[in-house]
Amino acid sequence: MVTGVIAWELHLDGCSSLKQKRAILRSLKDRLRGRHNVAVAETDHQDTWQRAEICAATVSADRRRANEVLSRVDSVVASEPRVRIIDSATYFY
């Protein structure tokens, strides 16, 4: 069994409040959960308006399948027009 985790450091350009930031992140996290069946959480920078860190995790029988899921999830985040990826990292356990 393999657990795959991907973390993104994000910049949310134009956010002028935490409420606006939370709305963008909620939408993104719900889309990732619903379409790709991954666990998603905001893991850092909760009190900063234009910065966020989110992580997604999946569990699979093999590393290849976990990597496929995380690649699709990464594509969704990269295509989100309201966020810009500053950095990302992928881990397998």
Protein backbone atom coordinates (compact mmCIF):
# COMPACT_ATOMS: atom_id res chain seq x y z
CA MET A 1 0.00 0.00 0.00
CA VAL A 2 1.28 3.46 -0.95
CA THR A 3 0.24 6.87 0.35
CA GLY A 4 0.89 9.76 -2.02
CA VAL A 5 0.87 13.38 -0.86
CA ILE A 6 1.23 16.53 -2.93
CA ALA A 7 1.61 19.99 -1.42
CA TRP A 8 1.25 23.33 -3.20
CA GLU A 9 2.37 26.76 -2.08
CA LEU A 10 -0.12 29.13 -3.72
CA HIS A 11 -0.44 32.84 -4.40
CA LEU A 12 -4.01 34.16 -4.67
CA ASP A 13 -3.66 37.43 -6.56
CA GLY A 14 -6.32 40.01 -5.88
CA CYS A 15 -7.64 38.60 -2.60
CA SER A 16 -8.46 41.45 -0.26
CA SER A 17 -9.89 39.48 2.66
CA LEU A 18 -9.74 36.10 4.35
CA LYS A 19 -13.37 35.55 3.38
CA GLN A 20 -12.50 35.88 -0.30
CA LYS A 21 -9.49 33.59 0.10
CA ARG A 22 -11.55 30.94 1.87
CA ALA A 23 -14.18 31.00 -0.89
CA ILE A 24 -11.55 30.35 -3.58
CA LEU A 25 -9.88 27.57 -1.59
CA ARG A 26 -13.19 25.96 -0.62
CA SER A 27 -14.20 25.79 -4.27
CA LEU A 28 -10.86 24.29 -5.28
CA LYS A 29 -10.80 21.76 -2.43
CA ASP A 30 -14.40 20.66 -3.10
CA ARG A 31 -13.58 20.14 -6.79
CA LEU A 32 -10.52 18.02 -5.94
CA ARG A 33 -12.45 15.91 -3.42
CA GLY A 34 -15.44 15.41 -5.68
CA ARG A 35 -13.69 14.60 -8.94
CA HIS A 36 -10.60 12.74 -7.75
CA ASN A 37 -11.55 11.24 -4.38
CA VAL A 38 -8.54 12.67 -2.51
CA ALA A 39 -8.26 14.12 0.97
CA VAL A 40 -7.50 17.86 0.83
CA ALA A 41 -6.63 20.38 3.55
CA GLU A 42 -5.27 23.89 3.91
CA THR A 43 -2.08 23.29 5.87
CA ASP A 44 -0.36 26.67 6.27
CA HIS A 45 -0.78 30.46 5.95
CA GLN A 46 -4.39 30.38 7.21
CA ASP A 47 -4.26 34.04 8.29
CA THR A 48 -2.59 35.47 5.18
CA TRP A 49 -4.87 36.90 2.48
CA GLN A 50 -2.92 36.13 -0.68
CA ARG A 51 -0.92 33.07 0.31
CA ALA A 52 -1.97 29.49 1.00
CA GLU A 53 -0.61 25.99 1.28
CA ILE A 54 -2.87 23.07 0.49
CA CYS A 55 -2.12 19.36 0.45
CA ALA A 56 -3.89 16.44 -1.20
CA ALA A 57 -3.42 12.80 -0.27
CA THR A 58 -4.40 9.48 -1.82
CA VAL A 59 -3.93 5.85 -0.85
CA SER A 60 -3.40 3.20 -3.51
CA ALA A 61 -2.26 -0.37 -3.96
CA ASP A 62 0.77 0.74 -5.98
CA ARG A 63 2.91 3.81 -6.55
CA ARG A 64 2.05 4.10 -10.25
CA ARG A 65 -1.66 4.52 -9.54
CA ALA A 66 -1.02 7.01 -6.72
CA ASN A 67 1.22 9.03 -9.04
CA GLU A 68 -1.50 9.08 -11.74
CA VAL A 69 -4.07 10.43 -9.28
CA LEU A 70 -1.70 13.10 -7.96
CA SER A 71 -0.76 14.15 -11.51
CA ARG A 72 -4.42 14.67 -12.41
CA VAL A 73 -5.00 16.63 -9.21
CA ASP A 74 -1.93 18.77 -9.94
CA SER A 75 -3.35 19.57 -13.39
CA VAL A 76 -6.58 20.80 -11.83
CA VAL A 77 -4.75 23.13 -9.45
CA ALA A 78 -2.49 24.39 -12.25
CA SER A 79 -5.51 25.19 -14.42
CA GLU A 80 -7.29 27.19 -11.69
CA PRO A 81 -7.18 30.81 -12.92
CA ARG A 82 -7.53 32.39 -9.46
CA VAL A 83 -4.35 30.83 -8.04
CA ARG A 84 -0.72 30.67 -9.06
CA ILE A 85 1.51 27.80 -7.94
CA ILE A 86 4.66 29.13 -6.29
CA ASP A 87 6.05 25.72 -5.36
CA SER A 88 4.94 22.10 -5.15
CA ALA A 89 6.30 18.86 -3.76
CA THR A 90 5.19 15.25 -4.03
CA TYR A 91 5.90 12.53 -1.45
CA PHE A 92 5.25 8.80 -1.35
CA TYR A 93 5.14 6.71 1.82
